[in-house]
N, C-alpha and C. Protein backbone atom coordinates (compact mmCIF):
# COMPACT_ATOMS: atom_id res chain seq x y z
N MET A 1 22.00 25.87 12.37
CA MET A 1 21.71 26.73 11.10
C MET A 1 22.11 26.22 10.27
N ARG A 2 23.02 25.33 9.98
CA ARG A 2 23.06 25.33 8.57
C ARG A 2 22.18 24.37 7.94
N ILE A 3 21.11 23.64 8.71
CA ILE A 3 20.00 22.99 8.61
C ILE A 3 19.37 24.25 7.66
N ILE A 4 18.71 25.08 8.69
CA ILE A 4 17.71 25.94 8.15
C ILE A 4 18.35 26.64 6.74
N LYS A 5 19.94 26.77 6.40
CA LYS A 5 20.26 27.33 5.23
C LYS A 5 19.83 26.77 4.31
N PHE A 6 20.41 25.11 4.22
CA PHE A 6 19.97 24.16 3.93
C PHE A 6 18.58 24.30 2.88
N ILE A 7 17.63 24.31 3.55
CA ILE A 7 16.47 24.64 3.83
C ILE A 7 15.76 25.02 2.91
N LYS A 8 16.13 26.47 2.79
CA LYS A 8 15.81 27.89 2.45
C LYS A 8 17.28 28.27 2.16
N SER A 9 16.75 29.08 0.91
CA SER A 9 17.62 30.49 0.26
C SER A 9 17.16 31.73 0.73
N ASN A 10 18.47 32.63 0.57
CA ASN A 10 18.34 33.71 0.87
C ASN A 10 16.82 34.61 0.61
N ARG A 11 16.02 34.24 -0.51
CA ARG A 11 14.73 34.86 -0.78
C ARG A 11 13.88 34.19 -0.01
N GLY A 12 13.99 33.50 0.77
CA GLY A 12 12.52 32.68 1.30
C GLY A 12 12.27 31.48 0.69
N GLN A 13 13.02 30.73 -0.35
CA GLN A 13 12.04 29.57 -1.09
C GLN A 13 13.24 28.51 -0.67
N ILE A 14 12.19 27.32 -0.66
CA ILE A 14 13.00 26.49 -0.32
C ILE A 14 14.02 25.31 -1.52
N SER A 15 15.30 25.43 -1.13
CA SER A 15 15.92 24.92 -1.99
C SER A 15 15.79 23.24 -2.92
N LEU A 16 16.45 23.71 -3.97
CA LEU A 16 16.15 22.37 -4.61
C LEU A 16 16.40 21.64 -4.63
N GLU A 17 17.52 21.49 -4.16
CA GLU A 17 17.68 19.50 -3.24
C GLU A 17 16.58 19.09 -2.09
N PHE A 18 16.20 19.94 -1.42
CA PHE A 18 15.18 19.78 -0.57
C PHE A 18 13.95 19.33 -1.29
N SER A 19 13.55 20.45 -2.09
CA SER A 19 12.06 20.10 -2.86
C SER A 19 12.22 18.41 -3.71
N MET A 20 13.89 18.15 -4.51
CA MET A 20 13.74 16.99 -4.55
C MET A 20 13.58 15.77 -3.98
N LEU A 21 14.25 16.15 -2.77
CA LEU A 21 13.84 15.39 -1.43
C LEU A 21 12.75 14.83 -1.17
N ILE A 22 11.83 15.60 -0.59
CA ILE A 22 10.73 15.64 -0.70
C ILE A 22 10.10 15.29 -1.44
N MET A 23 9.70 15.18 -3.16
CA MET A 23 9.60 14.53 -4.07
C MET A 23 9.70 13.05 -4.29
N VAL A 24 10.88 12.54 -3.67
CA VAL A 24 11.22 11.51 -4.15
C VAL A 24 10.79 10.58 -2.95
N ILE A 25 10.57 11.21 -1.95
CA ILE A 25 10.03 10.68 -0.44
C ILE A 25 8.64 10.69 -0.91
N ILE A 26 8.04 11.33 -1.50
CA ILE A 26 6.18 11.19 -1.85
C ILE A 26 5.94 10.04 -2.78
N VAL A 27 6.37 10.05 -3.69
CA VAL A 27 6.41 9.46 -4.85
C VAL A 27 6.97 7.62 -4.80
N SER A 28 7.59 7.29 -3.67
CA SER A 28 8.19 6.17 -2.93
C SER A 28 6.66 5.91 -2.54
N ALA A 29 6.13 6.52 -1.34
CA ALA A 29 5.27 6.29 -0.54
C ALA A 29 3.44 5.88 -1.34
N LEU A 30 4.25 6.48 -2.60
CA LEU A 30 3.13 6.19 -3.38
C LEU A 30 2.84 4.99 -4.37
N ILE A 31 4.27 4.82 -4.56
CA ILE A 31 4.74 3.30 -5.10
C ILE A 31 4.00 2.15 -4.36
N VAL A 32 4.66 2.28 -2.98
CA VAL A 32 4.34 1.76 -2.04
C VAL A 32 2.52 1.07 -1.71
N SER A 33 2.52 2.43 -1.74
CA SER A 33 0.78 2.33 -1.12
C SER A 33 0.01 1.54 -2.24
N TYR A 34 0.34 2.13 -3.54
CA TYR A 34 0.00 0.77 -4.36
C TYR A 34 -0.06 -0.26 -4.66
N TYR A 35 1.14 -0.73 -4.30
CA TYR A 35 1.45 -2.32 -4.02
C TYR A 35 0.66 -2.65 -3.04
N LEU A 36 0.85 -1.74 -2.15
CA LEU A 36 0.11 -2.42 -0.66
C LEU A 36 -1.15 -2.47 -1.32
N ILE A 37 -2.17 -1.93 -2.36
CA ILE A 37 -3.26 -2.40 -2.25
C ILE A 37 -3.57 -3.55 -3.14
N SER A 38 -2.92 -3.20 -4.09
CA SER A 38 -3.07 -4.28 -5.41
C SER A 38 -3.11 -5.97 -4.86
N THR A 39 -2.12 -5.45 -3.62
CA THR A 39 -1.21 -7.09 -3.13
C THR A 39 -3.01 -7.50 -1.58
N ALA A 40 -3.41 -6.46 -0.87
CA ALA A 40 -4.81 -6.40 -0.45
C ALA A 40 -5.75 -7.42 -0.85
N ILE A 41 -6.37 -6.82 -2.36
CA ILE A 41 -7.31 -7.29 -3.24
C ILE A 41 -6.81 -8.64 -3.77
N ASP A 42 -6.20 -8.85 -4.14
CA ASP A 42 -5.38 -10.11 -4.68
C ASP A 42 -5.31 -11.04 -3.29
N VAL A 43 -5.38 -10.83 -2.33
CA VAL A 43 -6.02 -11.47 -0.97
C VAL A 43 -6.87 -11.85 -0.94
N ARG A 44 -8.13 -11.01 -0.72
CA ARG A 44 -9.05 -10.95 -0.59
C ARG A 44 -9.63 -12.00 -1.33
N LYS A 45 -9.32 -11.82 -2.95
CA LYS A 45 -10.13 -12.89 -3.71
C LYS A 45 -9.70 -14.22 -3.25
N ALA A 46 -8.13 -14.79 -2.61
CA ALA A 46 -8.31 -15.34 -2.42
C ALA A 46 -8.77 -16.15 -1.36
N ASP A 47 -8.41 -15.36 0.25
CA ASP A 47 -9.70 -15.64 0.75
C ASP A 47 -10.85 -15.86 0.70
N ILE A 48 -11.70 -15.42 -0.40
CA ILE A 48 -13.30 -15.65 -0.98
C ILE A 48 -13.08 -16.87 -1.55
N ALA A 49 -12.27 -17.13 -2.61
CA ALA A 49 -12.21 -18.51 -2.68
C ALA A 49 -11.84 -19.62 -2.25
N THR A 50 -10.96 -19.41 -0.77
CA THR A 50 -10.99 -20.30 -0.11
C THR A 50 -12.47 -20.68 0.84
N ILE A 51 -12.31 -19.37 0.95
CA ILE A 51 -14.14 -19.64 1.96
C ILE A 51 -15.31 -20.17 1.00
N ASN A 52 -15.25 -20.19 -0.18
CA ASN A 52 -16.33 -20.56 -0.82
C ASN A 52 -15.87 -22.44 -1.34
N ALA A 53 -14.95 -22.34 -1.31
CA ALA A 53 -14.26 -24.33 -1.49
C ALA A 53 -14.57 -24.86 -0.18
N THR A 54 -14.40 -24.17 0.98
CA THR A 54 -14.39 -25.54 2.63
C THR A 54 -16.35 -24.84 2.45
N SER A 55 -17.13 -23.88 2.04
CA SER A 55 -18.19 -24.01 2.54
C SER A 55 -19.16 -25.02 1.53
N ASN A 56 -18.39 -25.28 -0.15
CA ASN A 56 -19.25 -26.31 -0.74
C ASN A 56 -18.62 -27.55 0.19
N ALA A 57 -17.27 -27.53 0.45
CA ALA A 57 -17.13 -29.24 1.10
C ALA A 57 -17.76 -29.63 2.24
N ALA A 58 -18.25 -28.04 2.93
CA ALA A 58 -19.39 -28.42 4.39
C ALA A 58 -20.22 -29.06 3.72
N LYS A 59 -21.11 -28.20 2.83
CA LYS A 59 -22.16 -28.38 1.86
C LYS A 59 -22.17 -29.73 1.39
N ASP A 60 -21.68 -30.53 1.06
CA ASP A 60 -21.57 -31.68 0.24
C ASP A 60 -21.15 -32.61 1.43
N ALA A 61 -21.10 -32.79 2.56
CA ALA A 61 -20.50 -33.66 3.34
C ALA A 61 -21.50 -33.52 4.36
N LEU A 62 -22.59 -32.75 4.60
CA LEU A 62 -23.74 -32.35 5.33
C LEU A 62 -24.67 -32.97 4.50
N SER A 63 -25.13 -32.85 3.23
CA SER A 63 -25.97 -33.36 2.30
C SER A 63 -26.19 -34.59 2.23
N THR A 64 -24.94 -35.41 2.24
CA THR A 64 -24.27 -37.20 2.44
C THR A 64 -24.83 -37.84 4.10
N VAL A 65 -24.62 -37.02 4.74
CA VAL A 65 -25.40 -37.44 6.21
C VAL A 65 -26.96 -37.45 6.39
N SER A 66 -27.44 -36.52 5.80
CA SER A 66 -28.54 -36.47 5.94
C SER A 66 -30.11 -37.46 4.73
């Protein structure tokens, strides 16, 4: 019962503390998702460079064989 009083005021509005808590959770989730996406893009670029390097090495090795 105390939690409901903490969340809602007498007029049916959510309390300032609860709204600040929700805002902090949302902002932190946005920051984490931004860094997660940027890291995934960097890893994709590194993987493509690695694949191109190994493909070129294989192509060079096969061209000397034939």
